[in-house]
mmCIF file of all heavy atoms, coordinates in Angstrom:
data_MODEL
# 
_entry.id   MODEL 
# 
loop_
_atom_site.group_PDB 
_atom_site.id 
_atom_site.type_symbol 
_atom_site.label_atom_id 
_atom_site.label_alt_id 
_atom_site.label_comp_id 
_atom_site.label_asym_id 
_atom_site.label_entity_id 
_atom_site.label_seq_id 
_atom_site.pdbx_PDB_ins_code 
_atom_site.Cartn_x 
_atom_site.Cartn_y 
_atom_site.Cartn_z 
_atom_site.occupancy 
_atom_site.B_iso_or_equiv 
_atom_site.pdbx_formal_charge 
_atom_site.auth_seq_id 
_atom_site.auth_comp_id 
_atom_site.auth_asym_id 
_atom_site.auth_atom_id 
_atom_site.pdbx_PDB_model_num 
ATOM 1   N N   . ASP A 1 1  ? 113.500 117.478 131.756 1.00 0.00 ? 1  ASP A N   1 
ATOM 2   C CA  . ASP A 1 1  ? 114.006 118.040 130.510 1.00 0.00 ? 1  ASP A CA  1 
ATOM 3   C C   . ASP A 1 1  ? 112.944 118.912 129.862 1.00 0.00 ? 1  ASP A C   1 
ATOM 4   O O   . ASP A 1 1  ? 111.830 118.439 129.567 1.00 0.00 ? 1  ASP A O   1 
ATOM 5   C CB  . ASP A 1 1  ? 114.394 116.876 129.585 1.00 0.00 ? 1  ASP A CB  1 
ATOM 6   C CG  . ASP A 1 1  ? 114.822 117.323 128.205 1.00 0.00 ? 1  ASP A CG  1 
ATOM 7   O OD1 . ASP A 1 1  ? 115.270 118.472 128.046 1.00 0.00 ? 1  ASP A OD1 1 
ATOM 8   O OD2 . ASP A 1 1  ? 114.728 116.485 127.264 1.00 0.00 ? 1  ASP A OD2 1 
ATOM 9   N N   . THR A 1 2  ? 113.253 120.169 129.597 1.00 0.00 ? 2  THR A N   1 
ATOM 10  C CA  . THR A 1 2  ? 112.270 121.078 129.011 1.00 0.00 ? 2  THR A CA  1 
ATOM 11  C C   . THR A 1 2  ? 111.889 120.654 127.596 1.00 0.00 ? 2  THR A C   1 
ATOM 12  O O   . THR A 1 2  ? 110.734 120.854 127.193 1.00 0.00 ? 2  THR A O   1 
ATOM 13  C CB  . THR A 1 2  ? 112.806 122.521 128.986 1.00 0.00 ? 2  THR A CB  1 
ATOM 14  O OG1 . THR A 1 2  ? 114.082 122.554 128.313 1.00 0.00 ? 2  THR A OG1 1 
ATOM 15  C CG2 . THR A 1 2  ? 112.967 123.079 130.382 1.00 0.00 ? 2  THR A CG2 1 
ATOM 16  N N   . ILE A 1 3  ? 112.816 120.071 126.840 1.00 0.00 ? 3  ILE A N   1 
ATOM 17  C CA  . ILE A 1 3  ? 112.492 119.660 125.471 1.00 0.00 ? 3  ILE A CA  1 
ATOM 18  C C   . ILE A 1 3  ? 111.495 118.504 125.478 1.00 0.00 ? 3  ILE A C   1 
ATOM 19  O O   . ILE A 1 3  ? 110.462 118.563 124.796 1.00 0.00 ? 3  ILE A O   1 
ATOM 20  C CB  . ILE A 1 3  ? 113.774 119.299 124.704 1.00 0.00 ? 3  ILE A CB  1 
ATOM 21  C CG1 . ILE A 1 3  ? 114.673 120.521 124.565 1.00 0.00 ? 3  ILE A CG1 1 
ATOM 22  C CG2 . ILE A 1 3  ? 113.429 118.711 123.328 1.00 0.00 ? 3  ILE A CG2 1 
ATOM 23  C CD1 . ILE A 1 3  ? 116.025 120.227 123.913 1.00 0.00 ? 3  ILE A CD1 1 
ATOM 24  N N   . GLU A 1 4  ? 111.788 117.470 126.253 1.00 0.00 ? 4  GLU A N   1 
ATOM 25  C CA  . GLU A 1 4  ? 110.886 116.330 126.284 1.00 0.00 ? 4  GLU A CA  1 
ATOM 26  C C   . GLU A 1 4  ? 109.543 116.719 126.894 1.00 0.00 ? 4  GLU A C   1 
ATOM 27  O O   . GLU A 1 4  ? 108.484 116.246 126.482 1.00 0.00 ? 4  GLU A O   1 
ATOM 28  C CB  . GLU A 1 4  ? 111.513 115.188 127.081 1.00 0.00 ? 4  GLU A CB  1 
ATOM 29  C CG  . GLU A 1 4  ? 110.797 113.854 126.944 1.00 0.00 ? 4  GLU A CG  1 
ATOM 30  C CD  . GLU A 1 4  ? 110.806 113.377 125.489 1.00 0.00 ? 4  GLU A CD  1 
ATOM 31  O OE1 . GLU A 1 4  ? 111.854 113.472 124.812 1.00 0.00 ? 4  GLU A OE1 1 
ATOM 32  O OE2 . GLU A 1 4  ? 109.753 112.894 125.030 1.00 0.00 ? 4  GLU A OE2 1 
ATOM 33  N N   . THR A 1 5  ? 109.578 117.629 127.874 1.00 0.00 ? 5  THR A N   1 
ATOM 34  C CA  . THR A 1 5  ? 108.326 118.091 128.500 1.00 0.00 ? 5  THR A CA  1 
ATOM 35  C C   . THR A 1 5  ? 107.464 118.847 127.495 1.00 0.00 ? 5  THR A C   1 
ATOM 36  O O   . THR A 1 5  ? 106.255 118.627 127.401 1.00 0.00 ? 5  THR A O   1 
ATOM 37  C CB  . THR A 1 5  ? 108.638 118.989 129.702 1.00 0.00 ? 5  THR A CB  1 
ATOM 38  O OG1 . THR A 1 5  ? 109.432 118.252 130.648 1.00 0.00 ? 5  THR A OG1 1 
ATOM 39  C CG2 . THR A 1 5  ? 107.365 119.474 130.373 1.00 0.00 ? 5  THR A CG2 1 
ATOM 40  N N   . GLY A 1 6  ? 108.096 119.745 126.722 1.00 0.00 ? 6  GLY A N   1 
ATOM 41  C CA  . GLY A 1 6  ? 107.343 120.475 125.701 1.00 0.00 ? 6  GLY A CA  1 
ATOM 42  C C   . GLY A 1 6  ? 106.767 119.549 124.656 1.00 0.00 ? 6  GLY A C   1 
ATOM 43  O O   . GLY A 1 6  ? 105.645 119.745 124.170 1.00 0.00 ? 6  GLY A O   1 
ATOM 44  N N   . GLY A 1 7  ? 107.536 118.520 124.282 1.00 0.00 ? 7  GLY A N   1 
ATOM 45  C CA  . GLY A 1 7  ? 106.998 117.554 123.317 1.00 0.00 ? 7  GLY A CA  1 
ATOM 46  C C   . GLY A 1 7  ? 105.829 116.789 123.889 1.00 0.00 ? 7  GLY A C   1 
ATOM 47  O O   . GLY A 1 7  ? 104.831 116.558 123.199 1.00 0.00 ? 7  GLY A O   1 
ATOM 48  N N   . ALA A 1 8  ? 105.914 116.378 125.157 1.00 0.00 ? 8  ALA A N   1 
ATOM 49  C CA  . ALA A 1 8  ? 104.842 115.638 125.804 1.00 0.00 ? 8  ALA A CA  1 
ATOM 50  C C   . ALA A 1 8  ? 103.553 116.489 125.865 1.00 0.00 ? 8  ALA A C   1 
ATOM 51  O O   . ALA A 1 8  ? 102.452 116.013 125.543 1.00 0.00 ? 8  ALA A O   1 
ATOM 52  C CB  . ALA A 1 8  ? 105.273 115.210 127.196 1.00 0.00 ? 8  ALA A CB  1 
ATOM 53  N N   . LEU A 1 9  ? 103.708 117.743 126.295 1.00 0.00 ? 9  LEU A N   1 
ATOM 54  C CA  . LEU A 1 9  ? 102.533 118.609 126.419 1.00 0.00 ? 9  LEU A CA  1 
ATOM 55  C C   . LEU A 1 9  ? 101.960 118.894 125.048 1.00 0.00 ? 9  LEU A C   1 
ATOM 56  O O   . LEU A 1 9  ? 100.722 118.999 124.885 1.00 0.00 ? 9  LEU A O   1 
ATOM 57  C CB  . LEU A 1 9  ? 102.945 119.915 127.107 1.00 0.00 ? 9  LEU A CB  1 
ATOM 58  C CG  . LEU A 1 9  ? 103.306 119.822 128.576 1.00 0.00 ? 9  LEU A CG  1 
ATOM 59  C CD1 . LEU A 1 9  ? 103.837 121.143 129.081 1.00 0.00 ? 9  LEU A CD1 1 
ATOM 60  C CD2 . LEU A 1 9  ? 102.091 119.406 129.424 1.00 0.00 ? 9  LEU A CD2 1 
ATOM 61  N N   . GLY A 1 10 ? 102.809 119.013 124.028 1.00 0.00 ? 10 GLY A N   1 
ATOM 62  C CA  . GLY A 1 10 ? 102.313 119.273 122.665 1.00 0.00 ? 10 GLY A CA  1 
ATOM 63  C C   . GLY A 1 10 ? 101.444 118.147 122.154 1.00 0.00 ? 10 GLY A C   1 
ATOM 64  O O   . GLY A 1 10 ? 100.392 118.392 121.535 1.00 0.00 ? 10 GLY A O   1 
ATOM 65  N N   . VAL A 1 11 ? 101.828 116.909 122.399 1.00 0.00 ? 11 VAL A N   1 
ATOM 66  C CA  . VAL A 1 11 ? 101.032 115.768 121.972 1.00 0.00 ? 11 VAL A CA  1 
ATOM 67  C C   . VAL A 1 11 ? 99.704  115.718 122.745 1.00 0.00 ? 11 VAL A C   1 
ATOM 68  O O   . VAL A 1 11 ? 98.637  115.432 122.185 1.00 0.00 ? 11 VAL A O   1 
ATOM 69  C CB  . VAL A 1 11 ? 101.798 114.439 122.131 1.00 0.00 ? 11 VAL A CB  1 
ATOM 70  C CG1 . VAL A 1 11 ? 100.934 113.247 121.752 1.00 0.00 ? 11 VAL A CG1 1 
ATOM 71  C CG2 . VAL A 1 11 ? 103.069 114.452 121.278 1.00 0.00 ? 11 VAL A CG2 1 
ATOM 72  N N   . LEU A 1 12 ? 99.742  116.038 124.036 1.00 0.00 ? 12 LEU A N   1 
ATOM 73  C CA  . LEU A 1 12 ? 98.522  116.111 124.826 1.00 0.00 ? 12 LEU A CA  1 
ATOM 74  C C   . LEU A 1 12 ? 97.580  117.177 124.292 1.00 0.00 ? 12 LEU A C   1 
ATOM 75  O O   . LEU A 1 12 ? 96.350  117.002 124.228 1.00 0.00 ? 12 LEU A O   1 
ATOM 76  C CB  . LEU A 1 12 ? 98.823  116.366 126.289 1.00 0.00 ? 12 LEU A CB  1 
ATOM 77  C CG  . LEU A 1 12 ? 99.369  115.193 127.118 1.00 0.00 ? 12 LEU A CG  1 
ATOM 78  C CD1 . LEU A 1 12 ? 99.726  115.674 128.503 1.00 0.00 ? 12 LEU A CD1 1 
ATOM 79  C CD2 . LEU A 1 12 ? 98.353  114.053 127.184 1.00 0.00 ? 12 LEU A CD2 1 
ATOM 80  N N   . MET A 1 13 ? 98.149  118.311 123.900 1.00 0.00 ? 13 MET A N   1 
ATOM 81  C CA  . MET A 1 13 ? 97.325  119.399 123.354 1.00 0.00 ? 13 MET A CA  1 
ATOM 82  C C   . MET A 1 13 ? 96.721  118.998 121.997 1.00 0.00 ? 13 MET A C   1 
ATOM 83  O O   . MET A 1 13 ? 95.573  119.378 121.697 1.00 0.00 ? 13 MET A O   1 
ATOM 84  C CB  . MET A 1 13 ? 98.148  120.667 123.212 1.00 0.00 ? 13 MET A CB  1 
ATOM 85  C CG  . MET A 1 13 ? 98.447  121.337 124.548 1.00 0.00 ? 13 MET A CG  1 
ATOM 86  S SD  . MET A 1 13 ? 99.385  122.881 124.358 1.00 0.00 ? 13 MET A SD  1 
ATOM 87  C CE  . MET A 1 13 ? 99.299  123.532 126.060 1.00 0.00 ? 13 MET A CE  1 
ATOM 88  N N   . ALA A 1 14 ? 97.455  118.228 121.209 1.00 0.00 ? 14 ALA A N   1 
ATOM 89  C CA  . ALA A 1 14 ? 96.906  117.760 119.940 1.00 0.00 ? 14 ALA A CA  1 
ATOM 90  C C   . ALA A 1 14 ? 95.708  116.844 120.153 1.00 0.00 ? 14 ALA A C   1 
ATOM 91  O O   . ALA A 1 14 ? 94.852  116.685 119.265 1.00 0.00 ? 14 ALA A O   1 
ATOM 92  C CB  . ALA A 1 14 ? 97.986  117.024 119.156 1.00 0.00 ? 14 ALA A CB  1 
ATOM 93  N N   . GLN A 1 15 ? 95.620  116.246 121.348 1.00 0.00 ? 15 GLN A N   1 
ATOM 94  C CA  . GLN A 1 15 ? 94.490  115.378 121.705 1.00 0.00 ? 15 GLN A CA  1 
ATOM 95  C C   . GLN A 1 15 ? 93.421  116.113 122.510 1.00 0.00 ? 15 GLN A C   1 
ATOM 96  O O   . GLN A 1 15 ? 92.481  115.513 123.019 1.00 0.00 ? 15 GLN A O   1 
ATOM 97  C CB  . GLN A 1 15 ? 95.010  114.183 122.504 1.00 0.00 ? 15 GLN A CB  1 
ATOM 98  C CG  . GLN A 1 15 ? 95.828  113.204 121.695 1.00 0.00 ? 15 GLN A CG  1 
ATOM 99  C CD  . GLN A 1 15 ? 95.006  112.514 120.623 1.00 0.00 ? 15 GLN A CD  1 
ATOM 100 O OE1 . GLN A 1 15 ? 93.921  112.022 120.864 1.00 0.00 ? 15 GLN A OE1 1 
ATOM 101 N NE2 . GLN A 1 15 ? 95.540  112.533 119.397 1.00 0.00 ? 15 GLN A NE2 1 
ATOM 102 N N   . ASN A 1 16 ? 93.589  117.436 122.641 1.00 0.00 ? 16 ASN A N   1 
ATOM 103 C CA  . ASN A 1 16 ? 92.633  118.273 123.384 1.00 0.00 ? 16 ASN A CA  1 
ATOM 104 C C   . ASN A 1 16 ? 92.537  117.907 124.867 1.00 0.00 ? 16 ASN A C   1 
ATOM 105 O O   . ASN A 1 16 ? 91.532  118.220 125.518 1.00 0.00 ? 16 ASN A O   1 
ATOM 106 C CB  . ASN A 1 16 ? 91.237  118.237 122.761 1.00 0.00 ? 16 ASN A CB  1 
ATOM 107 C CG  . ASN A 1 16 ? 91.220  118.910 121.399 1.00 0.00 ? 16 ASN A CG  1 
ATOM 108 O OD1 . ASN A 1 16 ? 91.796  119.991 121.220 1.00 0.00 ? 16 ASN A OD1 1 
ATOM 109 N ND2 . ASN A 1 16 ? 90.572  118.272 120.427 1.00 0.00 ? 16 ASN A ND2 1 
ATOM 110 N N   . VAL A 1 17 ? 93.543  117.201 125.390 1.00 0.00 ? 17 VAL A N   1 
ATOM 111 C CA  . VAL A 1 17 ? 93.613  116.992 126.843 1.00 0.00 ? 17 VAL A CA  1 
ATOM 112 C C   . VAL A 1 17 ? 93.828  118.346 127.539 1.00 0.00 ? 17 VAL A C   1 
ATOM 113 O O   . VAL A 1 17 ? 93.268  118.617 128.610 1.00 0.00 ? 17 VAL A O   1 
ATOM 114 C CB  . VAL A 1 17 ? 94.730  116.009 127.195 1.00 0.00 ? 17 VAL A CB  1 
ATOM 115 C CG1 . VAL A 1 17 ? 94.863  115.830 128.718 1.00 0.00 ? 17 VAL A CG1 1 
ATOM 116 C CG2 . VAL A 1 17 ? 94.481  114.668 126.529 1.00 0.00 ? 17 VAL A CG2 1 
ATOM 117 N N   . ILE A 1 18 ? 94.617  119.163 126.895 1.00 0.00 ? 18 ILE A N   1 
ATOM 118 C CA  . ILE A 1 18 ? 94.823  120.575 127.256 1.00 0.00 ? 18 ILE A CA  1 
ATOM 119 C C   . ILE A 1 18 ? 94.664  121.347 125.957 1.00 0.00 ? 18 ILE A C   1 
ATOM 120 O O   . ILE A 1 18 ? 95.037  120.850 124.889 1.00 0.00 ? 18 ILE A O   1 
ATOM 121 C CB  . ILE A 1 18 ? 96.239  120.826 127.841 1.00 0.00 ? 18 ILE A CB  1 
ATOM 122 C CG1 . ILE A 1 18 ? 96.574  119.830 128.939 1.00 0.00 ? 18 ILE A CG1 1 
ATOM 123 C CG2 . ILE A 1 18 ? 96.383  122.262 128.358 1.00 0.00 ? 18 ILE A CG2 1 
ATOM 124 C CD1 . ILE A 1 18 ? 98.056  119.805 129.304 1.00 0.00 ? 18 ILE A CD1 1 
ATOM 125 N N   . ALA A 1 19 ? 94.132  122.529 126.006 1.00 0.00 ? 19 ALA A N   1 
ATOM 126 C CA  . ALA A 1 19 ? 93.938  123.304 124.784 1.00 0.00 ? 19 ALA A CA  1 
ATOM 127 C C   . ALA A 1 19 ? 95.260  123.983 124.402 1.00 0.00 ? 19 ALA A C   1 
ATOM 128 O O   . ALA A 1 19 ? 96.028  124.426 125.261 1.00 0.00 ? 19 ALA A O   1 
ATOM 129 C CB  . ALA A 1 19 ? 92.855  124.365 124.965 1.00 0.00 ? 19 ALA A CB  1 
ATOM 130 N N   . PHE A 1 20 ? 95.545  124.087 123.098 1.00 0.00 ? 20 PHE A N   1 
ATOM 131 C CA  . PHE A 1 20 ? 96.681  124.857 122.655 1.00 0.00 ? 20 PHE A CA  1 
ATOM 132 C C   . PHE A 1 20 ? 96.525  126.302 123.170 1.00 0.00 ? 20 PHE A C   1 
ATOM 133 O O   . PHE A 1 20 ? 95.441  126.884 123.117 1.00 0.00 ? 20 PHE A O   1 
ATOM 134 C CB  . PHE A 1 20 ? 96.779  124.868 121.127 1.00 0.00 ? 20 PHE A CB  1 
ATOM 135 C CG  . PHE A 1 20 ? 97.440  123.669 120.562 1.00 0.00 ? 20 PHE A CG  1 
ATOM 136 C CD1 . PHE A 1 20 ? 96.735  122.767 119.751 1.00 0.00 ? 20 PHE A CD1 1 
ATOM 137 C CD2 . PHE A 1 20 ? 98.798  123.408 120.804 1.00 0.00 ? 20 PHE A CD2 1 
ATOM 138 C CE1 . PHE A 1 20 ? 97.357  121.645 119.227 1.00 0.00 ? 20 PHE A CE1 1 
ATOM 139 C CE2 . PHE A 1 20 ? 99.414  122.269 120.290 1.00 0.00 ? 20 PHE A CE2 1 
ATOM 140 C CZ  . PHE A 1 20 ? 98.699  121.396 119.506 1.00 0.00 ? 20 PHE A CZ  1 
ATOM 141 N N   . GLY A 1 21 ? 97.609  126.830 123.686 1.00 0.00 ? 21 GLY A N   1 
ATOM 142 C CA  . GLY A 1 21 ? 97.583  128.191 124.216 1.00 0.00 ? 21 GLY A CA  1 
ATOM 143 C C   . GLY A 1 21 ? 97.189  128.303 125.672 1.00 0.00 ? 21 GLY A C   1 
ATOM 144 O O   . GLY A 1 21 ? 97.279  129.388 126.257 1.00 0.00 ? 21 GLY A O   1 
ATOM 145 N N   . ASP A 1 22 ? 96.775  127.179 126.271 1.00 0.00 ? 22 ASP A N   1 
ATOM 146 C CA  . ASP A 1 22 ? 96.322  127.197 127.679 1.00 0.00 ? 22 ASP A CA  1 
ATOM 147 C C   . ASP A 1 22 ? 97.535  127.024 128.576 1.00 0.00 ? 22 ASP A C   1 
ATOM 148 O O   . ASP A 1 22 ? 97.863  125.920 129.028 1.00 0.00 ? 22 ASP A O   1 
ATOM 149 C CB  . ASP A 1 22 ? 95.297  126.098 127.886 1.00 0.00 ? 22 ASP A CB  1 
ATOM 150 C CG  . ASP A 1 22 ? 94.746  126.095 129.321 1.00 0.00 ? 22 ASP A CG  1 
ATOM 151 O OD1 . ASP A 1 22 ? 95.130  126.961 130.128 1.00 0.00 ? 22 ASP A OD1 1 
ATOM 152 O OD2 . ASP A 1 22 ? 93.893  125.222 129.629 1.00 0.00 ? 22 ASP A OD2 1 
ATOM 153 N N   . ALA A 1 23 ? 98.167  128.136 128.908 1.00 0.00 ? 23 ALA A N   1 
ATOM 154 C CA  . ALA A 1 23 ? 99.384  128.090 129.720 1.00 0.00 ? 23 ALA A CA  1 
ATOM 155 C C   . ALA A 1 23 ? 99.092  127.577 131.127 1.00 0.00 ? 23 ALA A C   1 
ATOM 156 O O   . ALA A 1 23 ? 99.837  126.761 131.690 1.00 0.00 ? 23 ALA A O   1 
ATOM 157 C CB  . ALA A 1 23 ? 100.025 129.477 129.788 1.00 0.00 ? 23 ALA A CB  1 
ATOM 158 N N   . GLN A 1 24 ? 97.974  128.027 131.707 1.00 0.00 ? 24 GLN A N   1 
ATOM 159 C CA  . GLN A 1 24 ? 97.655  127.581 133.061 1.00 0.00 ? 24 GLN A CA  1 
ATOM 160 C C   . GLN A 1 24 ? 97.336  126.096 133.085 1.00 0.00 ? 24 GLN A C   1 
ATOM 161 O O   . GLN A 1 24 ? 97.726  125.379 134.026 1.00 0.00 ? 24 GLN A O   1 
ATOM 162 C CB  . GLN A 1 24 ? 96.448  128.367 133.597 1.00 0.00 ? 24 GLN A CB  1 
ATOM 163 C CG  . GLN A 1 24 ? 96.183  128.129 135.081 1.00 0.00 ? 24 GLN A CG  1 
ATOM 164 C CD  . GLN A 1 24 ? 97.360  128.497 135.955 1.00 0.00 ? 24 GLN A CD  1 
ATOM 165 O OE1 . GLN A 1 24 ? 97.830  129.642 135.934 1.00 0.00 ? 24 GLN A OE1 1 
ATOM 166 N NE2 . GLN A 1 24 ? 97.851  127.562 136.777 1.00 0.00 ? 24 GLN A NE2 1 
# 
């Protein structure tokens, strides 16, 4: 699901596991 996936990635980005804006 793209919605749940985007939500999951957003929370990870808030924790700096991935940087916001880091598409790769």
